Amino acid sequence: MREPISHGNATTGEQHDVTLVYPRQAEFADGKLSILAPIGATLLGLRAQKPRVISICRKQRV
């Protein structure tokens, strides 16, 4: 936690860096992702240096 994590979108090829933080410190625009967010909890449980594919479902806004 509190170390940069690189993650990417396999479909678009986009790469992003985020830092996992406690909820009060979370600010998505600054790349700070809460450990209680669904993707934050998932990333927190992964081992370092071990690439994984995670399927994320998105709700479409109308």
N, C-alpha and C. Protein backbone atom coordinates (compact mmCIF):
# COMPACT_ATOMS: atom_id res chain seq x y z
N MET A 1 0.84 -1.17 0.00
CA MET A 1 0.00 0.00 0.00
C MET A 1 0.89 1.24 0.00
N ARG A 2 0.37 2.31 -0.55
CA ARG A 2 1.06 3.60 -0.68
C ARG A 2 2.26 3.53 -1.62
N GLU A 3 2.28 2.54 -2.48
CA GLU A 3 3.31 2.47 -3.51
C GLU A 3 2.60 2.44 -4.86
N PRO A 4 3.20 3.07 -5.87
CA PRO A 4 2.54 3.13 -7.18
C PRO A 4 2.31 1.74 -7.76
N ILE A 5 1.16 1.59 -8.38
CA ILE A 5 0.81 0.36 -9.07
C ILE A 5 0.47 0.72 -10.50
N SER A 6 1.04 0.02 -11.44
CA SER A 6 0.71 0.23 -12.85
C SER A 6 -0.34 -0.78 -13.25
N HIS A 7 -1.37 -0.31 -13.91
CA HIS A 7 -2.39 -1.22 -14.42
C HIS A 7 -2.80 -0.74 -15.80
N GLY A 8 -3.31 -1.64 -16.58
CA GLY A 8 -3.67 -1.28 -17.94
C GLY A 8 -4.98 -1.89 -18.37
N ASN A 9 -5.46 -1.37 -19.48
CA ASN A 9 -6.68 -1.85 -20.09
C ASN A 9 -6.27 -2.70 -21.29
N ALA A 10 -6.54 -4.00 -21.23
CA ALA A 10 -6.12 -4.91 -22.30
C ALA A 10 -6.82 -4.60 -23.62
N THR A 11 -8.01 -4.02 -23.56
CA THR A 11 -8.75 -3.71 -24.78
C THR A 11 -8.20 -2.49 -25.50
N THR A 12 -7.93 -1.42 -24.74
CA THR A 12 -7.49 -0.16 -25.36
C THR A 12 -5.98 0.02 -25.33
N GLY A 13 -5.31 -0.74 -24.46
CA GLY A 13 -3.86 -0.60 -24.33
C GLY A 13 -3.43 0.55 -23.43
N GLU A 14 -4.39 1.25 -22.84
CA GLU A 14 -4.07 2.38 -21.95
C GLU A 14 -3.40 1.88 -20.68
N GLN A 15 -2.40 2.61 -20.21
CA GLN A 15 -1.71 2.29 -18.97
C GLN A 15 -1.95 3.42 -17.96
N HIS A 16 -2.12 3.07 -16.71
CA HIS A 16 -2.36 4.05 -15.65
C HIS A 16 -1.55 3.68 -14.43
N ASP A 17 -1.14 4.67 -13.66
CA ASP A 17 -0.48 4.44 -12.38
C ASP A 17 -1.40 4.96 -11.29
N VAL A 18 -1.61 4.16 -10.27
CA VAL A 18 -2.41 4.56 -9.12
C VAL A 18 -1.66 4.20 -7.85
N THR A 19 -2.07 4.81 -6.75
CA THR A 19 -1.53 4.49 -5.45
C THR A 19 -2.71 4.09 -4.56
N LEU A 20 -2.61 2.94 -3.91
CA LEU A 20 -3.66 2.50 -3.01
C LEU A 20 -3.52 3.21 -1.68
N VAL A 21 -4.61 3.81 -1.23
CA VAL A 21 -4.61 4.59 0.01
C VAL A 21 -5.88 4.28 0.82
N TYR A 22 -5.91 4.77 2.06
CA TYR A 22 -7.11 4.65 2.87
C TYR A 22 -8.21 5.55 2.29
N PRO A 23 -9.48 5.21 2.54
CA PRO A 23 -10.59 5.95 1.93
C PRO A 23 -10.53 7.47 2.09
N ARG A 24 -10.15 7.97 3.25
CA ARG A 24 -10.12 9.43 3.45
C ARG A 24 -9.07 10.13 2.58
N GLN A 25 -8.06 9.39 2.14
CA GLN A 25 -7.00 9.97 1.32
C GLN A 25 -7.26 9.79 -0.17
N ALA A 26 -8.30 9.06 -0.51
CA ALA A 26 -8.58 8.74 -1.91
C ALA A 26 -8.96 9.99 -2.71
N GLU A 27 -8.35 10.12 -3.86
CA GLU A 27 -8.66 11.21 -4.80
C GLU A 27 -8.32 10.66 -6.19
N PHE A 28 -9.34 10.14 -6.87
CA PHE A 28 -9.12 9.44 -8.13
C PHE A 28 -8.41 10.33 -9.16
N ALA A 29 -8.76 11.59 -9.21
CA ALA A 29 -8.14 12.51 -10.17
C ALA A 29 -6.63 12.63 -9.96
N ASP A 30 -6.18 12.41 -8.72
CA ASP A 30 -4.75 12.47 -8.40
C ASP A 30 -4.09 11.09 -8.43
N GLY A 31 -4.85 10.08 -8.85
CA GLY A 31 -4.30 8.73 -8.93
C GLY A 31 -4.25 8.01 -7.60
N LYS A 32 -5.06 8.46 -6.63
CA LYS A 32 -5.10 7.81 -5.33
C LYS A 32 -6.40 7.03 -5.22
N LEU A 33 -6.28 5.73 -5.15
CA LEU A 33 -7.43 4.83 -5.18
C LEU A 33 -7.64 4.19 -3.82
N SER A 34 -8.88 4.22 -3.33
CA SER A 34 -9.20 3.65 -2.02
C SER A 34 -9.05 2.13 -2.03
N ILE A 35 -8.52 1.61 -0.93
CA ILE A 35 -8.41 0.16 -0.80
C ILE A 35 -9.78 -0.49 -0.62
N LEU A 36 -10.81 0.32 -0.32
CA LEU A 36 -12.16 -0.23 -0.17
C LEU A 36 -12.96 -0.19 -1.48
N ALA A 37 -12.44 0.48 -2.49
CA ALA A 37 -13.09 0.44 -3.81
C ALA A 37 -12.92 -0.98 -4.36
N PRO A 38 -13.87 -1.47 -5.13
CA PRO A 38 -13.76 -2.84 -5.64
C PRO A 38 -12.43 -3.14 -6.34
N ILE A 39 -12.00 -2.26 -7.21
CA ILE A 39 -10.73 -2.51 -7.91
C ILE A 39 -9.54 -2.33 -6.97
N GLY A 40 -9.66 -1.43 -6.00
CA GLY A 40 -8.60 -1.22 -5.02
C GLY A 40 -8.38 -2.46 -4.16
N ALA A 41 -9.47 -3.06 -3.71
CA ALA A 41 -9.38 -4.29 -2.91
C ALA A 41 -8.80 -5.43 -3.73
N THR A 42 -9.15 -5.49 -5.00
CA THR A 42 -8.61 -6.53 -5.87
C THR A 42 -7.12 -6.35 -6.07
N LEU A 43 -6.70 -5.12 -6.38
CA LEU A 43 -5.27 -4.86 -6.58
C LEU A 43 -4.47 -5.09 -5.31
N LEU A 44 -5.05 -4.77 -4.17
CA LEU A 44 -4.36 -4.95 -2.90
C LEU A 44 -4.05 -6.42 -2.64
N GLY A 45 -4.90 -7.30 -3.10
CA GLY A 45 -4.71 -8.73 -2.88
C GLY A 45 -3.76 -9.41 -3.83
N LEU A 46 -3.25 -8.71 -4.83
CA LEU A 46 -2.35 -9.33 -5.81
C LEU A 46 -0.90 -9.25 -5.36
N ARG A 47 -0.11 -10.20 -5.81
CA ARG A 47 1.31 -10.19 -5.52
C ARG A 47 2.04 -9.27 -6.49
N ALA A 48 3.08 -8.64 -5.98
CA ALA A 48 3.88 -7.73 -6.81
C ALA A 48 4.59 -8.51 -7.91
N GLN A 49 4.79 -7.87 -9.03
CA GLN A 49 5.53 -8.41 -10.17
C GLN A 49 4.88 -9.65 -10.79
N LYS A 50 3.61 -9.85 -10.53
CA LYS A 50 2.92 -11.00 -11.11
C LYS A 50 1.74 -10.49 -11.93
N PRO A 51 1.89 -10.40 -13.25
CA PRO A 51 0.81 -9.88 -14.09
C PRO A 51 -0.46 -10.72 -13.95
N ARG A 52 -1.59 -10.05 -13.90
CA ARG A 52 -2.89 -10.71 -13.79
C ARG A 52 -3.87 -10.07 -14.76
N VAL A 53 -4.85 -10.84 -15.16
CA VAL A 53 -5.95 -10.31 -15.95
C VAL A 53 -7.17 -10.30 -15.05
N ILE A 54 -7.77 -9.12 -14.92
CA ILE A 54 -8.96 -8.96 -14.08
C ILE A 54 -10.09 -8.48 -14.98
N SER A 55 -11.20 -9.17 -14.93
CA SER A 55 -12.36 -8.77 -15.71
C SER A 55 -13.23 -7.86 -14.86
N ILE A 56 -13.51 -6.68 -15.39
CA ILE A 56 -14.32 -5.70 -14.66
C ILE A 56 -15.57 -5.40 -15.48
N CYS A 57 -16.72 -5.52 -14.84
CA CYS A 57 -17.97 -5.19 -15.51
C CYS A 57 -18.28 -3.73 -15.25
N ARG A 58 -18.73 -3.06 -16.27
CA ARG A 58 -19.10 -1.65 -16.15
C ARG A 58 -20.57 -1.47 -16.44
N LYS A 59 -21.18 -0.62 -15.66
CA LYS A 59 -22.56 -0.24 -15.96
C LYS A 59 -22.50 0.93 -16.92
N GLN A 60 -23.31 0.88 -17.92
CA GLN A 60 -23.35 1.99 -18.87
C GLN A 60 -24.31 3.05 -18.37
N ARG A 61 -23.86 4.29 -18.43
CA ARG A 61 -24.73 5.39 -18.03
C ARG A 61 -25.58 5.81 -19.21
N VAL A 62 -26.83 6.07 -18.92
CA VAL A 62 -27.76 6.46 -20.00
C VAL A 62 -28.07 7.92 -19.89
